[in-house]
Amino acid sequence: MKRKALLLALIYCWLGAGCASSAVIRDAQEGSVVIESDGSDRAAVEAEAARGCGFYGRSASLAKSTCLDTLCRRQRVEFSCSGPAEHTATHSSAWLGISVDDISDHLYADPPGSSEVVVSRVFVDGPGRPAGLQVGDIIESFNGRPVSNARELVALKDEVRSGDQVAVGIRRSVGRFNVVIKAQ
């Protein structure tokens, strides 16, 4: 049945009736990432999972996939995050309520073509939102230390504990400023 549904979905896409797709992280934790996909190819789904697990310094491996409609065009794909954690098991990693990406050649790159860390998601219930972070913000510093890529930011974030106040230097189209996030 799944093979027939997949074949129908491919024909549907080939006929031009709906190949636009997306893969979105719905939940990201240190041990797992959940992606919802609306017709995205496997590479796009895996890239989102790698990004979600990568924020915790881990790699993603497929755990389970569930069809959300009869043709299996919409899927919920769960990945487990494995590998060495960036911190020891004696303390939990602080949560800032944001996702970030390494971006080059984006609208605000300074200088153009430079690699920078951009906020790609601000969780509604996370501490980044009340601090004023927005999608598209460029993170230039974290706790007074310059940041040039997402891996550096993850390493700095792992030094933060729940309850700590974190100064984040950002650049937005309106200028540069600092926000303070109370880590959870």
N, C-alpha and C. Protein backbone atom coordinates (compact mmCIF):
# COMPACT_ATOMS: atom_id res chain seq x y z
N MET A 1 0.82 -1.20 0.00
CA MET A 1 0.00 0.00 0.00
C MET A 1 0.86 1.26 0.00
N LYS A 2 1.92 1.28 0.84
CA LYS A 2 2.80 2.45 0.89
C LYS A 2 3.49 2.68 -0.45
N ARG A 3 3.90 1.59 -1.11
CA ARG A 3 4.57 1.72 -2.40
C ARG A 3 3.63 2.37 -3.42
N LYS A 4 2.36 1.95 -3.42
CA LYS A 4 1.37 2.52 -4.33
C LYS A 4 1.15 4.00 -4.01
N ALA A 5 1.07 4.35 -2.73
CA ALA A 5 0.88 5.74 -2.32
C ALA A 5 2.07 6.60 -2.75
N LEU A 6 3.28 6.06 -2.59
CA LEU A 6 4.47 6.79 -3.00
C LEU A 6 4.49 7.01 -4.50
N LEU A 7 4.14 5.98 -5.26
CA LEU A 7 4.08 6.09 -6.72
C LEU A 7 3.06 7.15 -7.14
N LEU A 8 1.90 7.14 -6.52
CA LEU A 8 0.88 8.15 -6.83
C LEU A 8 1.38 9.56 -6.48
N ALA A 9 2.08 9.70 -5.37
CA ALA A 9 2.61 11.01 -4.98
C ALA A 9 3.65 11.49 -5.98
N LEU A 10 4.51 10.59 -6.45
CA LEU A 10 5.52 10.96 -7.45
C LEU A 10 4.87 11.36 -8.77
N ILE A 11 3.85 10.65 -9.19
CA ILE A 11 3.13 11.00 -10.41
C ILE A 11 2.46 12.36 -10.25
N TYR A 12 1.85 12.57 -9.10
CA TYR A 12 1.20 13.84 -8.78
C TYR A 12 2.19 15.00 -8.91
N CYS A 13 3.39 14.80 -8.35
CA CYS A 13 4.43 15.82 -8.41
C CYS A 13 4.92 16.01 -9.85
N TRP A 14 5.16 14.90 -10.56
CA TRP A 14 5.66 14.96 -11.92
C TRP A 14 4.70 15.71 -12.84
N LEU A 15 3.40 15.57 -12.60
CA LEU A 15 2.40 16.28 -13.41
C LEU A 15 2.33 17.77 -13.08
N GLY A 16 3.11 18.18 -12.08
CA GLY A 16 3.16 19.60 -11.74
C GLY A 16 2.03 20.05 -10.85
N ALA A 17 1.40 19.12 -10.18
CA ALA A 17 0.24 19.48 -9.37
C ALA A 17 0.58 19.69 -7.91
N GLY A 18 1.84 19.89 -7.56
CA GLY A 18 2.13 20.16 -6.16
C GLY A 18 3.47 19.66 -5.70
N CYS A 19 4.54 20.15 -6.28
CA CYS A 19 5.87 19.73 -5.84
C CYS A 19 6.46 20.66 -4.80
N ALA A 20 5.80 21.77 -4.55
CA ALA A 20 6.30 22.66 -3.50
C ALA A 20 6.29 21.89 -2.20
N SER A 21 7.38 21.97 -1.46
CA SER A 21 7.45 21.16 -0.27
C SER A 21 8.20 21.89 0.83
N SER A 22 8.08 21.33 2.03
CA SER A 22 8.81 21.88 3.16
C SER A 22 9.10 20.77 4.15
N ALA A 23 10.18 20.95 4.88
CA ALA A 23 10.53 20.07 5.99
C ALA A 23 10.80 20.99 7.17
N VAL A 24 10.05 20.80 8.25
CA VAL A 24 10.10 21.72 9.38
C VAL A 24 10.36 20.94 10.67
N ILE A 25 11.25 21.45 11.50
CA ILE A 25 11.48 20.86 12.81
C ILE A 25 10.29 21.21 13.70
N ARG A 26 9.61 20.19 14.21
CA ARG A 26 8.46 20.41 15.11
C ARG A 26 8.86 20.30 16.56
N ASP A 27 9.90 19.51 16.85
CA ASP A 27 10.36 19.36 18.22
C ASP A 27 11.84 18.98 18.16
N ALA A 28 12.65 19.65 18.95
CA ALA A 28 14.07 19.34 19.00
C ALA A 28 14.51 19.27 20.46
N GLN A 29 15.03 18.14 20.82
CA GLN A 29 15.57 17.94 22.15
C GLN A 29 16.94 17.30 21.99
N GLU A 30 17.66 17.20 23.09
CA GLU A 30 19.01 16.64 23.01
C GLU A 30 19.01 15.21 22.49
N GLY A 31 17.96 14.44 22.78
CA GLY A 31 17.94 13.04 22.38
C GLY A 31 17.13 12.73 21.15
N SER A 32 16.34 13.69 20.65
CA SER A 32 15.51 13.41 19.48
C SER A 32 15.08 14.68 18.77
N VAL A 33 14.75 14.51 17.49
CA VAL A 33 14.23 15.59 16.66
C VAL A 33 13.05 15.04 15.87
N VAL A 34 11.97 15.82 15.80
CA VAL A 34 10.80 15.42 15.03
C VAL A 34 10.65 16.41 13.87
N ILE A 35 10.55 15.88 12.66
CA ILE A 35 10.41 16.69 11.44
C ILE A 35 9.04 16.39 10.84
N GLU A 36 8.33 17.43 10.44
CA GLU A 36 7.12 17.24 9.64
C GLU A 36 7.45 17.68 8.23
N SER A 37 7.11 16.83 7.29
CA SER A 37 7.44 17.06 5.90
C SER A 37 6.18 17.09 5.05
N ASP A 38 6.14 18.01 4.13
CA ASP A 38 5.03 18.14 3.21
C ASP A 38 5.56 17.92 1.79
N GLY A 39 5.97 16.69 1.52
CA GLY A 39 6.45 16.33 0.19
C GLY A 39 7.93 16.57 -0.04
N SER A 40 8.68 16.94 1.00
CA SER A 40 10.11 17.16 0.82
C SER A 40 10.83 15.87 0.50
N ASP A 41 11.92 16.00 -0.25
CA ASP A 41 12.71 14.82 -0.53
C ASP A 41 13.46 14.40 0.74
N ARG A 42 13.95 13.20 0.73
CA ARG A 42 14.61 12.62 1.91
C ARG A 42 15.81 13.46 2.35
N ALA A 43 16.55 14.02 1.39
CA ALA A 43 17.73 14.83 1.73
C ALA A 43 17.33 16.07 2.53
N ALA A 44 16.22 16.72 2.17
CA ALA A 44 15.78 17.91 2.90
C ALA A 44 15.36 17.56 4.32
N VAL A 45 14.68 16.43 4.49
CA VAL A 45 14.25 15.98 5.82
C VAL A 45 15.47 15.65 6.66
N GLU A 46 16.44 14.93 6.09
CA GLU A 46 17.64 14.57 6.82
C GLU A 46 18.48 15.79 7.18
N ALA A 47 18.49 16.79 6.29
CA ALA A 47 19.24 18.03 6.57
C ALA A 47 18.64 18.76 7.77
N GLU A 48 17.31 18.81 7.83
CA GLU A 48 16.66 19.45 8.98
C GLU A 48 16.95 18.69 10.26
N ALA A 49 16.91 17.36 10.19
CA ALA A 49 17.21 16.54 11.37
C ALA A 49 18.65 16.75 11.82
N ALA A 50 19.58 16.80 10.87
CA ALA A 50 20.99 17.03 11.20
C ALA A 50 21.17 18.39 11.87
N ARG A 51 20.43 19.39 11.38
CA ARG A 51 20.50 20.72 11.97
C ARG A 51 19.97 20.70 13.40
N GLY A 52 18.86 20.01 13.62
CA GLY A 52 18.27 19.94 14.95
C GLY A 52 19.16 19.23 15.95
N CYS A 53 19.70 18.07 15.57
CA CYS A 53 20.60 17.33 16.47
C CYS A 53 21.95 18.04 16.59
N GLY A 54 22.39 18.68 15.50
CA GLY A 54 23.67 19.39 15.49
C GLY A 54 23.73 20.51 16.50
N PHE A 55 22.60 21.10 16.83
CA PHE A 55 22.59 22.17 17.81
C PHE A 55 23.03 21.65 19.17
N TYR A 56 22.89 20.35 19.41
CA TYR A 56 23.32 19.73 20.67
C TYR A 56 24.65 18.99 20.49
N GLY A 57 25.31 19.18 19.35
CA GLY A 57 26.58 18.53 19.10
C GLY A 57 26.44 17.04 18.84
N ARG A 58 25.31 16.62 18.30
CA ARG A 58 25.05 15.20 18.06
C ARG A 58 24.68 14.98 16.60
N SER A 59 24.67 13.72 16.18
CA SER A 59 24.27 13.39 14.81
C SER A 59 22.90 12.71 14.81
N ALA A 60 22.19 12.81 13.71
CA ALA A 60 20.82 12.30 13.60
C ALA A 60 20.79 10.94 12.92
N SER A 61 19.94 10.05 13.44
CA SER A 61 19.69 8.78 12.76
C SER A 61 18.19 8.50 12.81
N LEU A 62 17.67 8.02 11.68
CA LEU A 62 16.23 7.78 11.53
C LEU A 62 15.74 6.79 12.57
N ALA A 63 14.63 7.15 13.24
CA ALA A 63 14.04 6.25 14.23
C ALA A 63 12.68 5.73 13.76
N LYS A 64 11.85 6.63 13.20
CA LYS A 64 10.49 6.21 12.84
C LYS A 64 9.89 7.23 11.87
N SER A 65 9.09 6.75 10.93
CA SER A 65 8.39 7.61 9.99
C SER A 65 6.91 7.23 9.97
N THR A 66 6.05 8.24 10.03
CA THR A 66 4.61 8.01 10.06
C THR A 66 3.93 8.86 8.99
N CYS A 67 3.07 8.25 8.19
CA CYS A 67 2.30 9.00 7.19
C CYS A 67 1.18 9.77 7.88
N LEU A 68 0.99 11.01 7.46
CA LEU A 68 -0.05 11.85 8.05
C LEU A 68 -1.26 12.00 7.14
N ASP A 69 -1.18 11.46 5.92
CA ASP A 69 -2.33 11.47 5.01
C ASP A 69 -2.33 10.16 4.22
N THR A 70 -3.37 9.92 3.47
CA THR A 70 -3.54 8.64 2.78
C THR A 70 -2.49 8.41 1.69
N LEU A 71 -2.00 9.44 1.03
CA LEU A 71 -1.00 9.28 -0.01
C LEU A 71 0.42 9.39 0.53
N CYS A 72 0.53 9.61 1.83
CA CYS A 72 1.83 9.73 2.49
C CYS A 72 2.63 10.92 1.96
N ARG A 73 1.92 11.96 1.52
CA ARG A 73 2.60 13.19 1.11
C ARG A 73 3.09 13.95 2.33
N ARG A 74 2.32 13.94 3.40
CA ARG A 74 2.71 14.58 4.65
C ARG A 74 3.21 13.49 5.59
N GLN A 75 4.37 13.71 6.15
CA GLN A 75 4.96 12.71 7.03
C GLN A 75 5.48 13.35 8.31
N ARG A 76 5.49 12.57 9.36
CA ARG A 76 6.13 12.92 10.62
C ARG A 76 7.29 11.95 10.76
N VAL A 77 8.50 12.49 10.77
CA VAL A 77 9.69 11.66 10.79
C VAL A 77 10.46 11.95 12.08
N GLU A 78 10.71 10.89 12.84
CA GLU A 78 11.42 11.04 14.11
C GLU A 78 12.85 10.53 13.95
N PHE A 79 13.78 11.31 14.48
CA PHE A 79 15.20 10.95 14.45
C PHE A 79 15.71 10.91 15.88
N SER A 80 16.62 9.98 16.15
CA SER A 80 17.28 10.00 17.45
C SER A 80 18.61 10.73 17.27
N CYS A 81 18.99 11.46 18.30
CA CYS A 81 20.25 12.21 18.28
C CYS A 81 21.26 11.42 19.09
N SER A 82 22.39 11.09 18.48
CA SER A 82 23.39 10.29 19.19
C SER A 82 24.76 10.90 19.00
N GLY A 83 25.71 10.35 19.70
CA GLY A 83 27.07 10.85 19.64
C GLY A 83 27.43 11.56 20.92
N PRO A 84 28.65 12.04 21.00
CA PRO A 84 29.10 12.68 22.24
C PRO A 84 28.37 14.00 22.47
N ALA A 85 27.92 14.18 23.68
CA ALA A 85 27.31 15.46 24.06
C ALA A 85 28.43 16.45 24.33
N GLU A 86 28.13 17.72 24.18
CA GLU A 86 29.12 18.76 24.40
C GLU A 86 29.32 19.05 25.89
N HIS A 87 28.54 18.43 26.74
CA HIS A 87 28.64 18.68 28.18
C HIS A 87 28.58 17.36 28.92
N THR A 88 28.90 17.38 30.20
CA THR A 88 28.88 16.16 30.98
C THR A 88 27.47 15.86 31.46
N ALA A 89 27.25 14.64 31.88
CA ALA A 89 25.92 14.21 32.30
C ALA A 89 25.53 14.75 33.67
N THR A 90 26.45 15.42 34.37
CA THR A 90 26.14 15.90 35.71
C THR A 90 25.30 17.17 35.70
N HIS A 91 25.13 17.80 34.54
CA HIS A 91 24.28 18.98 34.47
C HIS A 91 23.53 18.98 33.14
N SER A 92 22.42 19.67 33.12
CA SER A 92 21.65 19.71 31.88
C SER A 92 22.01 20.95 31.09
N SER A 93 21.91 20.85 29.78
CA SER A 93 22.19 21.97 28.91
C SER A 93 21.08 23.00 29.02
N ALA A 94 21.47 24.26 29.06
CA ALA A 94 20.48 25.34 29.12
C ALA A 94 19.75 25.45 27.79
N TRP A 95 18.50 25.88 27.86
CA TRP A 95 17.69 26.06 26.66
C TRP A 95 17.48 27.55 26.43
N LEU A 96 17.75 28.01 25.21
CA LEU A 96 17.58 29.41 24.86
C LEU A 96 16.32 29.65 24.05
N GLY A 97 15.71 28.59 23.54
CA GLY A 97 14.46 28.72 22.80
C GLY A 97 14.63 29.23 21.39
N ILE A 98 15.79 28.94 20.78
CA ILE A 98 16.03 29.36 19.40
C ILE A 98 16.71 28.22 18.64
N SER A 99 16.61 28.28 17.32
CA SER A 99 17.41 27.44 16.43
C SER A 99 18.24 28.39 15.58
N VAL A 100 19.44 27.97 15.22
CA VAL A 100 20.32 28.81 14.42
C VAL A 100 20.88 28.02 13.24
N ASP A 101 21.35 28.75 12.24
CA ASP A 101 21.99 28.16 11.07
C ASP A 101 23.22 28.98 10.72
N ASP A 102 24.18 28.34 10.05
CA ASP A 102 25.28 29.06 9.41
C ASP A 102 24.76 29.53 8.06
N ILE A 103 24.88 30.79 7.79
CA ILE A 103 24.37 31.34 6.54
C ILE A 103 25.45 32.23 5.92
N SER A 104 25.64 32.07 4.63
CA SER A 104 26.51 32.99 3.90
C SER A 104 25.70 33.56 2.75
N ASP A 105 26.09 34.71 2.32
CA ASP A 105 25.41 35.41 1.22
C ASP A 105 23.94 35.68 1.49
N HIS A 106 23.58 35.93 2.73
CA HIS A 106 22.20 36.28 3.01
C HIS A 106 22.05 37.79 2.96
N LEU A 107 20.87 38.26 3.13
CA LEU A 107 20.53 39.67 2.96
C LEU A 107 21.41 40.60 3.79
N TYR A 108 21.76 40.19 5.03
CA TYR A 108 22.48 41.10 5.91
C TYR A 108 23.95 40.76 6.07
N ALA A 109 24.50 39.87 5.24
CA ALA A 109 25.90 39.47 5.38
C ALA A 109 26.80 40.70 5.35
N ASP A 110 27.71 40.78 6.33
CA ASP A 110 28.59 41.94 6.46
C ASP A 110 29.99 41.45 6.77
N PRO A 111 30.94 41.40 5.86
CA PRO A 111 30.80 41.79 4.46
C PRO A 111 30.05 40.73 3.66
N PRO A 112 29.57 41.10 2.47
CA PRO A 112 28.84 40.13 1.65
C PRO A 112 29.67 38.86 1.43
N GLY A 113 29.01 37.71 1.57
CA GLY A 113 29.67 36.42 1.39
C GLY A 113 30.26 35.84 2.66
N SER A 114 30.23 36.60 3.76
CA SER A 114 30.79 36.08 5.01
C SER A 114 29.86 35.03 5.62
N SER A 115 30.43 34.14 6.40
CA SER A 115 29.65 33.13 7.09
C SER A 115 29.21 33.69 8.42
N GLU A 116 27.94 33.59 8.72
CA GLU A 116 27.41 34.15 9.96
C GLU A 116 26.39 33.20 10.55
N VAL A 117 26.01 33.47 11.80
CA VAL A 117 25.01 32.67 12.51
C VAL A 117 23.71 33.46 12.51
N VAL A 118 22.67 32.87 11.92
CA VAL A 118 21.38 33.53 11.82
C VAL A 118 20.35 32.73 12.63
N VAL A 119 19.45 33.44 13.30
CA VAL A 119 18.37 32.80 14.04
C VAL A 119 17.35 32.31 13.01
N SER A 120 17.12 31.00 12.98
CA SER A 120 16.20 30.43 12.00
C SER A 120 14.83 30.11 12.60
N ARG A 121 14.77 30.07 13.93
CA ARG A 121 13.49 29.79 14.58
C ARG A 121 13.53 30.33 16.01
N VAL A 122 12.43 30.93 16.44
CA VAL A 122 12.27 31.37 17.82
C VAL A 122 11.05 30.65 18.36
N PHE A 123 11.26 29.79 19.36
CA PHE A 123 10.16 29.01 19.91
C PHE A 123 9.25 29.91 20.73
N VAL A 124 7.94 29.72 20.55
CA VAL A 124 6.94 30.56 21.21
C VAL A 124 7.08 30.51 22.72
N ASP A 125 7.38 29.35 23.28
CA ASP A 125 7.45 29.21 24.72
C ASP A 125 8.88 29.28 25.26
N GLY A 126 9.82 29.70 24.43
CA GLY A 126 11.22 29.74 24.85
C GLY A 126 11.65 31.10 25.36
N PRO A 127 12.78 31.15 26.07
CA PRO A 127 13.27 32.40 26.64
C PRO A 127 13.80 33.40 25.62
N GLY A 128 14.08 32.96 24.41
CA GLY A 128 14.55 33.89 23.37
C GLY A 128 13.48 34.86 22.92
N ARG A 129 12.24 34.43 22.95
CA ARG A 129 11.13 35.28 22.48
C ARG A 129 10.91 36.52 23.36
N PRO A 130 10.74 36.36 24.69
CA PRO A 130 10.56 37.56 25.51
C PRO A 130 11.80 38.46 25.54
N ALA A 131 12.97 37.89 25.24
CA ALA A 131 14.19 38.69 25.18
C ALA A 131 14.22 39.56 23.93
N GLY A 132 13.36 39.24 22.95
CA GLY A 132 13.28 40.05 21.74
C GLY A 132 13.96 39.49 20.52
N LEU A 133 14.47 38.25 20.59
CA LEU A 133 15.10 37.67 19.40
C LEU A 133 14.05 37.41 18.33
N GLN A 134 14.46 37.59 17.07
CA GLN A 134 13.56 37.38 15.94
C GLN A 134 14.25 36.52 14.88
N VAL A 135 13.45 35.81 14.10
CA VAL A 135 13.98 35.06 12.98
C VAL A 135 14.67 36.05 12.04
N GLY A 136 15.87 35.71 11.62
CA GLY A 136 16.65 36.59 10.74
C GLY A 136 17.71 37.39 11.48
N ASP A 137 17.65 37.44 12.81
CA ASP A 137 18.69 38.13 13.57
C ASP A 137 20.02 37.43 13.35
N ILE A 138 21.09 38.22 13.22
CA ILE A 138 22.44 37.69 13.10
C ILE A 138 23.08 37.75 14.48
N ILE A 139 23.53 36.59 14.98
CA ILE A 139 24.17 36.56 16.29
C ILE A 139 25.66 36.83 16.08
N GLU A 140 26.13 37.94 16.65
CA GLU A 140 27.53 38.33 16.51
C GLU A 140 28.37 37.99 17.73
N SER A 141 27.73 37.97 18.91
CA SER A 141 28.46 37.62 20.13
C SER A 141 27.53 36.92 21.11
N PHE A 142 28.15 36.15 22.01
CA PHE A 142 27.41 35.38 23.01
C PHE A 142 28.19 35.49 24.30
N ASN A 143 27.58 36.09 25.31
CA ASN A 143 28.26 36.34 26.60
C ASN A 143 29.58 37.08 26.42
N GLY A 144 29.58 38.06 25.51
CA GLY A 144 30.75 38.89 25.28
C GLY A 144 31.81 38.28 24.39
N ARG A 145 31.59 37.08 23.90
CA ARG A 145 32.57 36.43 23.04
C ARG A 145 32.05 36.39 21.60
N PRO A 146 32.89 36.75 20.63
CA PRO A 146 32.45 36.76 19.23
C PRO A 146 32.06 35.37 18.75
N VAL A 147 31.07 35.32 17.86
CA VAL A 147 30.58 34.07 17.29
C VAL A 147 30.60 34.19 15.77
N SER A 148 31.22 33.20 15.10
CA SER A 148 31.25 33.25 13.64
C SER A 148 30.58 32.06 12.98
N ASN A 149 30.23 31.03 13.77
CA ASN A 149 29.50 29.90 13.19
C ASN A 149 28.68 29.21 14.29
N ALA A 150 27.74 28.37 13.85
CA ALA A 150 26.81 27.74 14.79
C ALA A 150 27.51 26.79 15.76
N ARG A 151 28.56 26.13 15.32
CA ARG A 151 29.27 25.20 16.20
C ARG A 151 29.91 25.96 17.38
N GLU A 152 30.46 27.14 17.11
CA GLU A 152 31.00 27.96 18.20
C GLU A 152 29.90 28.34 19.18
N LEU A 153 28.74 28.70 18.64
CA LEU A 153 27.63 29.09 19.51
C LEU A 153 27.19 27.93 20.39
N VAL A 154 27.13 26.72 19.83
CA VAL A 154 26.74 25.54 20.61
C VAL A 154 27.74 25.32 21.76
N ALA A 155 29.03 25.44 21.47
CA ALA A 155 30.05 25.25 22.50
C ALA A 155 29.90 26.29 23.61
N LEU A 156 29.63 27.54 23.24
CA LEU A 156 29.43 28.59 24.24
C LEU A 156 28.14 28.37 25.03
N LYS A 157 27.10 27.91 24.34
CA LYS A 157 25.82 27.66 25.00
C LYS A 157 25.95 26.57 26.04
N ASP A 158 26.80 25.60 25.80
CA ASP A 158 26.96 24.50 26.73
C ASP A 158 27.64 24.92 28.03
N GLU A 159 28.21 26.12 28.07
CA GLU A 159 28.79 26.65 29.30
C GLU A 159 27.72 27.32 30.17
N VAL A 160 26.54 27.51 29.61
CA VAL A 160 25.46 28.22 30.30
C VAL A 160 24.58 27.22 31.04
N ARG A 161 24.15 27.58 32.22
CA ARG A 161 23.25 26.75 33.02
C ARG A 161 21.88 27.40 33.10
N SER A 162 20.88 26.60 33.38
CA SER A 162 19.52 27.11 33.55
C SER A 162 19.51 28.20 34.62
N GLY A 163 18.87 29.32 34.30
CA GLY A 163 18.80 30.46 35.21
C GLY A 163 19.84 31.53 34.95
N ASP A 164 20.89 31.20 34.18
CA ASP A 164 21.92 32.19 33.86
C ASP A 164 21.36 33.27 32.93
N GLN A 165 21.85 34.49 33.10
CA GLN A 165 21.54 35.59 32.20
C GLN A 165 22.61 35.61 31.11
N VAL A 166 22.20 35.60 29.86
CA VAL A 166 23.13 35.54 28.74
C VAL A 166 22.96 36.78 27.87
N ALA A 167 24.06 37.52 27.66
CA ALA A 167 24.03 38.68 26.77
C ALA A 167 24.34 38.20 25.36
N VAL A 168 23.44 38.51 24.42
CA VAL A 168 23.61 38.10 23.04
C VAL A 168 23.66 39.35 22.17
N GLY A 169 24.77 39.55 21.47
CA GLY A 169 24.91 40.66 20.54
C GLY A 169 24.34 40.28 19.20
N ILE A 170 23.37 41.06 18.73
CA ILE A 170 22.74 40.74 17.45
C ILE A 170 22.79 41.92 16.50
N ARG A 171 22.64 41.58 15.22
CA ARG A 171 22.52 42.59 14.17
C ARG A 171 21.22 42.31 13.44
N ARG A 172 20.50 43.35 13.21
CA ARG A 172 19.22 43.28 12.51
C ARG A 172 19.22 44.41 11.50
N SER A 173 18.29 44.43 10.61
CA SER A 173 18.26 45.48 9.57
C SER A 173 18.25 46.89 10.16
N VAL A 174 17.78 47.05 11.38
CA VAL A 174 17.70 48.38 12.01
C VAL A 174 18.94 48.75 12.79
N GLY A 175 19.91 47.84 12.92
CA GLY A 175 21.14 48.14 13.64
C GLY A 175 21.64 47.00 14.50
N ARG A 176 22.62 47.35 15.33
CA ARG A 176 23.22 46.37 16.25
C ARG A 176 22.80 46.69 17.67
N PHE A 177 22.53 45.63 18.46
CA PHE A 177 22.20 45.83 19.86
C PHE A 177 22.33 44.51 20.61
N ASN A 178 22.23 44.58 21.93
CA ASN A 178 22.32 43.40 22.78
C ASN A 178 20.96 43.08 23.37
N VAL A 179 20.69 41.79 23.51
CA VAL A 179 19.51 41.33 24.25
C VAL A 179 20.02 40.42 25.36
N VAL A 180 19.24 40.30 26.41
CA VAL A 180 19.61 39.43 27.52
C VAL A 180 18.56 38.33 27.61
N ILE A 181 19.04 37.09 27.57
CA ILE A 181 18.16 35.92 27.65
C ILE A 181 18.39 35.25 29.00
N LYS A 182 17.31 34.93 29.69
CA LYS A 182 17.43 34.13 30.91
C LYS A 182 17.24 32.67 30.49
N ALA A 183 18.35 31.93 30.48
CA ALA A 183 18.35 30.54 30.03
C ALA A 183 17.46 29.67 30.91
N GLN A 184 16.82 28.69 30.29
CA GLN A 184 15.99 27.73 31.04
C GLN A 184 16.68 26.39 31.08
